[in-house]
């Protein structure tokens, strides 16, 4: 999904919405996305938000579910560096989506907020809620189902000895 397929104002709107929800995070940040969609968003502060939550409490629940951990490492080195620097705080798994599914990003924050971004054929759909516990619960269930189907990231867990 090349970035030029999505109008820049849609990308900026989506990136701003992601950052607004990340600012609300106190304990839980769950993200499920294709790396190319995450890279297409203007410089989101996902890595900074995860590091902030990890520093704030040892009871944090930080998860990143991506389609390709190598692409994440090469395309978003700051985020990959944060993940590799905090291996006990941030869990990473990989799940390759079916070829015919649209690119999407699901963000679940704490127990109330969630965001769903979908891109298909150059069009963008965005839904974000900051105070919606039932919607958050449904988004968390969807995330958990995909998380269970994923496999551990090997690329972002390599230890240099």
Protein backbone atom coordinates (compact mmCIF):
# COMPACT_ATOMS: atom_id res chain seq x y z
CA UNK A 1 0.00 0.00 0.00
CA UNK A 2 1.99 3.03 -1.16
CA UNK A 3 1.55 6.19 0.84
CA UNK A 4 0.45 8.15 -2.22
CA UNK A 5 -2.70 6.01 -2.41
CA UNK A 6 -4.08 7.81 0.65
CA UNK A 7 -4.76 11.57 0.63
CA UNK A 8 -2.29 13.36 2.92
CA UNK A 9 -5.02 15.11 4.94
CA UNK A 10 -6.55 11.70 5.78
CA UNK A 11 -3.14 10.50 6.98
CA UNK A 12 -2.66 13.61 9.11
CA UNK A 13 -6.13 13.26 10.61
CA UNK A 14 -5.53 9.59 11.42
CA UNK A 15 -2.07 10.28 12.87
CA UNK A 16 -3.45 13.05 15.08
CA UNK A 17 -6.26 10.76 16.30
CA UNK A 18 -3.75 8.01 17.16
CA UNK A 19 -1.59 10.48 19.10
CA UNK A 20 -4.61 11.87 21.00
CA UNK A 21 -5.55 8.40 22.21
CA UNK A 22 -1.95 7.52 23.05
CA UNK A 23 -1.81 10.58 25.32
CA UNK A 24 -4.69 9.08 27.34
CA UNK A 25 -2.88 5.77 27.93
CA UNK A 26 -2.13 4.95 31.55
CA UNK A 27 -1.71 1.17 31.56
CA UNK A 28 -2.67 -0.58 28.32
CA UNK A 29 -1.73 0.04 24.68
CA UNK A 30 -2.55 -2.67 22.17
CA UNK A 31 -1.87 -2.10 18.47
CA UNK A 32 -2.68 -4.43 15.56
CA UNK A 33 -1.63 -3.14 12.16
CA UNK A 34 0.20 -3.67 8.93
CA UNK A 35 3.60 -2.02 9.06
CA UNK A 36 3.09 -0.13 5.81
CA UNK A 37 -0.02 1.56 7.18
CA UNK A 38 1.79 2.52 10.38
CA UNK A 39 4.72 3.87 8.34
CA UNK A 40 2.32 5.90 6.16
CA UNK A 41 1.00 7.81 9.18
CA UNK A 42 2.80 11.04 10.01
CA UNK A 43 5.34 10.51 12.79
CA UNK A 44 3.10 9.07 15.52
CA UNK A 45 4.44 8.88 19.05
CA UNK A 46 3.65 5.19 19.56
CA UNK A 47 7.13 4.27 20.80
CA UNK A 48 7.26 7.26 23.16
CA UNK A 49 3.82 6.45 24.56
CA UNK A 50 4.74 2.81 25.14
CA UNK A 51 7.98 3.81 26.89
CA UNK A 52 6.11 6.34 29.04
CA UNK A 53 3.52 3.77 30.15
CA UNK A 54 6.24 1.15 30.78
CA UNK A 55 8.14 3.61 33.01
CA UNK A 56 5.00 4.66 34.85
CA UNK A 57 3.92 1.21 36.04
CA UNK A 58 5.33 -2.28 36.00
CA UNK A 59 1.75 -3.53 35.58
CA UNK A 60 1.54 -2.13 32.06
CA UNK A 61 0.11 -4.20 29.23
CA UNK A 62 1.84 -3.17 26.01
CA UNK A 63 1.35 -5.29 22.89
CA UNK A 64 2.23 -4.79 19.26
CA UNK A 65 0.81 -7.18 16.64
CA UNK A 66 2.25 -6.56 13.16
CA UNK A 67 2.30 -8.33 9.83
CA UNK A 68 6.09 -8.21 9.35
CA UNK A 69 8.59 -7.57 12.15
CA UNK A 70 11.48 -7.13 9.69
CA UNK A 71 9.60 -4.38 7.89
CA UNK A 72 8.87 -2.73 11.24
CA UNK A 73 12.55 -2.87 12.18
CA UNK A 74 13.72 -1.34 8.89
CA UNK A 75 10.86 1.12 8.33
CA UNK A 76 10.30 2.38 11.88
CA UNK A 77 13.69 2.10 13.60
CA UNK A 78 12.74 4.34 16.56
CA UNK A 79 9.71 2.21 17.41
CA UNK A 80 11.70 -1.00 16.88
CA UNK A 81 14.45 0.38 19.14
CA UNK A 82 11.93 1.09 21.89
CA UNK A 83 10.52 -2.43 21.58
CA UNK A 84 13.99 -3.98 21.71
CA UNK A 85 15.05 -1.77 24.63
CA UNK A 86 12.00 -2.78 26.70
CA UNK A 87 11.59 -6.53 25.98
CA UNK A 88 10.01 -7.33 29.34
CA UNK A 89 7.48 -4.50 29.02
CA UNK A 90 6.43 -4.69 25.35
CA UNK A 91 5.22 -7.93 23.77
CA UNK A 92 5.44 -8.32 20.00
CA UNK A 93 3.80 -10.92 17.80
CA UNK A 94 3.39 -11.34 14.05
CA UNK A 95 0.25 -12.22 12.14
CA UNK A 96 0.18 -12.07 8.36
CA UNK A 97 -3.29 -11.03 7.15
CA UNK A 98 -5.07 -12.65 4.24
CA UNK A 99 -4.08 -11.06 0.93
CA UNK A 100 -7.53 -9.70 0.12
CA UNK A 101 -8.13 -7.91 3.44
CA UNK A 102 -7.86 -4.12 3.57
CA UNK A 103 -5.01 -2.55 5.52
CA UNK A 104 -6.18 -1.64 9.00
CA UNK A 105 -4.96 -0.39 12.35
CA UNK A 106 -6.68 -1.26 15.62
CA UNK A 107 -5.60 0.66 18.72
CA UNK A 108 -6.96 -0.26 22.16
CA UNK A 109 -6.08 2.09 25.02
CA UNK A 110 -6.78 1.23 28.66
CA UNK A 111 -10.42 0.21 29.30
CA UNK A 112 -12.30 3.01 27.53
CA UNK A 113 -10.62 4.21 24.34
CA UNK A 114 -10.19 2.61 20.94
CA UNK A 115 -9.49 3.53 17.33
CA UNK A 116 -10.04 1.67 14.08
CA UNK A 117 -8.46 2.88 10.85
CA UNK A 118 -9.01 1.07 7.56
CA UNK A 119 -7.56 1.82 4.13
CA UNK A 120 -8.90 0.22 0.98
CA UNK A 121 -8.57 1.29 -2.64
CA UNK A 122 -7.27 4.74 -1.74
CA UNK A 123 -10.06 5.49 0.72
CA UNK A 124 -9.68 5.82 4.46
CA UNK A 125 -12.21 5.08 7.18
CA UNK A 126 -11.52 6.21 10.74
CA UNK A 127 -13.51 5.65 13.91
CA UNK A 128 -12.20 6.75 17.26
CA UNK A 129 -13.82 6.75 20.70
CA UNK A 130 -12.22 8.01 23.90
CA UNK A 131 -15.02 7.03 26.30
CA UNK A 132 -16.66 3.83 25.10
CA UNK A 133 -16.12 0.87 27.47
CA UNK A 134 -18.41 -1.52 25.49
CA UNK A 135 -16.67 -0.64 22.22
CA UNK A 136 -13.29 -0.98 23.93
CA UNK A 137 -14.26 -4.42 25.22
CA UNK A 138 -15.27 -5.56 21.70
CA UNK A 139 -12.06 -4.15 20.20
CA UNK A 140 -10.04 -5.90 22.93
CA UNK A 141 -11.78 -9.21 22.18
CA UNK A 142 -10.98 -8.84 18.46
CA UNK A 143 -7.38 -8.00 19.32
CA UNK A 144 -7.05 -10.99 21.70
CA UNK A 145 -8.36 -13.36 19.02
CA UNK A 146 -5.75 -12.15 16.53
CA UNK A 147 -3.03 -12.07 19.21
CA UNK A 148 -3.68 -15.74 19.96
CA UNK A 149 -3.41 -16.61 16.27
CA UNK A 150 -0.08 -14.76 15.88
CA UNK A 151 3.43 -16.04 16.46
CA UNK A 152 6.26 -14.60 18.54
CA UNK A 153 8.44 -12.00 16.83
CA UNK A 154 11.93 -13.32 16.32
CA UNK A 155 13.38 -10.27 14.61
CA UNK A 156 12.68 -7.89 17.48
CA UNK A 157 13.76 -10.30 20.21
CA UNK A 158 17.28 -11.09 19.02
CA UNK A 159 19.77 -10.58 21.81
CA UNK A 160 23.28 -9.52 20.96
CA UNK A 161 25.78 -11.36 23.13
